[in-house]
Amino acid sequence: MENGHNHIIPYKTILVVLAALITLTLISVAVTSIYLGAFTVLVALLIAVAKSILVLRIFMHLKLESRMFTILTIGVATLIGFVIIGTITDYIFR
């Protein structure tokens, strides 16, 4: 590391996040067997967002970095969300 800071995450935190990721994966698989109509994709995307937040904050050490990286990450995620919404809207109304 250039700045000399080592981000050490306790094993307990890693195991809790691992359990949460496995649980969310099982929930997303279970949701596919339930008919929710158009909301099936929405629920799957919301679960994927929750899993992404866990990975970004814990495994990519975003919660230990400066606030600027968090703001930039939220900005990029928002931009990607707008692109996805625009694509889905274009697909639906064609």
Protein backbone atom coordinates (compact mmCIF):
# COMPACT_ATOMS: atom_id res chain seq x y z
CA MET A 1 0.00 0.00 0.00
CA GLU A 2 1.26 3.42 -0.87
CA ASN A 3 -0.12 5.26 2.13
CA GLY A 4 0.93 2.63 4.66
CA HIS A 5 -2.58 1.81 5.88
CA ASN A 6 -3.58 -1.81 6.20
CA HIS A 7 -7.29 -2.44 6.27
CA ILE A 8 -7.76 -5.56 8.36
CA ILE A 9 -11.28 -6.91 8.53
CA PRO A 10 -12.08 -9.31 11.37
CA TYR A 11 -12.97 -12.88 10.40
CA LYS A 12 -16.32 -12.54 12.16
CA THR A 13 -17.30 -9.67 9.83
CA ILE A 14 -16.24 -11.65 6.78
CA LEU A 15 -18.25 -14.67 7.92
CA VAL A 16 -21.34 -12.55 8.60
CA VAL A 17 -21.10 -10.96 5.15
CA LEU A 18 -20.57 -14.39 3.58
CA ALA A 19 -23.69 -15.69 5.33
CA ALA A 20 -25.65 -12.63 4.18
CA LEU A 21 -24.48 -13.08 0.58
CA ILE A 22 -25.41 -16.76 0.58
CA THR A 23 -28.80 -15.97 2.11
CA LEU A 24 -29.51 -13.25 -0.45
CA THR A 25 -28.48 -15.61 -3.25
CA LEU A 26 -30.86 -18.28 -1.98
CA ILE A 27 -33.64 -15.70 -1.71
CA SER A 28 -33.06 -14.54 -5.28
CA VAL A 29 -33.20 -18.13 -6.52
CA ALA A 30 -36.41 -18.71 -4.54
CA VAL A 31 -37.99 -15.55 -5.97
CA THR A 32 -37.64 -16.92 -9.50
CA SER A 33 -40.00 -19.75 -8.64
CA ILE A 34 -42.69 -17.35 -7.42
CA TYR A 35 -44.77 -15.60 -10.05
CA LEU A 36 -44.69 -11.86 -9.36
CA GLY A 37 -45.29 -10.69 -12.89
CA ALA A 38 -43.22 -7.65 -13.81
CA PHE A 39 -42.02 -7.31 -10.21
CA THR A 40 -39.88 -10.45 -10.45
CA VAL A 41 -37.10 -8.54 -12.22
CA LEU A 42 -37.45 -5.62 -9.81
CA VAL A 43 -37.07 -7.88 -6.77
CA ALA A 44 -34.09 -9.62 -8.35
CA LEU A 45 -32.43 -6.27 -9.08
CA LEU A 46 -33.04 -5.02 -5.54
CA ILE A 47 -31.45 -8.15 -4.11
CA ALA A 48 -28.50 -7.72 -6.50
CA VAL A 49 -28.09 -4.11 -5.32
CA ALA A 50 -28.02 -5.26 -1.70
CA LYS A 51 -25.36 -7.85 -2.50
CA SER A 52 -23.33 -5.28 -4.43
CA ILE A 53 -23.42 -2.86 -1.51
CA LEU A 54 -22.14 -5.55 0.84
CA VAL A 55 -19.28 -6.45 -1.49
CA LEU A 56 -18.35 -2.82 -2.13
CA ARG A 57 -18.40 -1.79 1.52
CA ILE A 58 -16.69 -4.81 3.08
CA PHE A 59 -14.54 -6.63 0.54
CA MET A 60 -13.50 -3.58 -1.48
CA HIS A 61 -12.92 -1.56 1.73
CA LEU A 62 -15.13 1.31 0.65
CA LYS A 63 -16.31 1.97 4.18
CA LEU A 64 -12.70 2.54 5.25
CA GLU A 65 -11.81 4.93 2.43
CA SER A 66 -12.43 8.65 2.17
CA ARG A 67 -15.91 10.03 1.59
CA MET A 68 -14.95 11.04 -1.98
CA PHE A 69 -14.77 7.40 -3.12
CA THR A 70 -18.20 6.72 -1.66
CA ILE A 71 -19.69 9.73 -3.44
CA LEU A 72 -18.06 8.74 -6.74
CA THR A 73 -19.29 5.16 -6.39
CA ILE A 74 -22.83 6.33 -5.71
CA GLY A 75 -22.62 8.64 -8.74
CA VAL A 76 -21.48 5.83 -11.03
CA ALA A 77 -24.15 3.48 -9.67
CA THR A 78 -26.79 6.15 -10.25
CA LEU A 79 -25.60 6.63 -13.83
CA ILE A 80 -25.76 2.88 -14.44
CA GLY A 81 -29.26 2.85 -12.94
CA PHE A 82 -30.38 5.57 -15.35
CA VAL A 83 -28.96 3.62 -18.28
CA ILE A 84 -30.77 0.46 -17.17
CA ILE A 85 -34.05 2.35 -16.67
CA GLY A 86 -33.68 4.02 -20.06
CA THR A 87 -33.00 0.68 -21.74
CA ILE A 88 -35.98 -1.01 -20.09
CA THR A 89 -38.23 1.94 -20.94
CA ASP A 90 -37.11 1.84 -24.56
CA TYR A 91 -37.70 -1.91 -24.71
CA ILE A 92 -41.19 -1.67 -23.18
CA PHE A 93 -42.47 1.16 -25.37
CA ARG A 94 -41.16 -0.04 -28.71
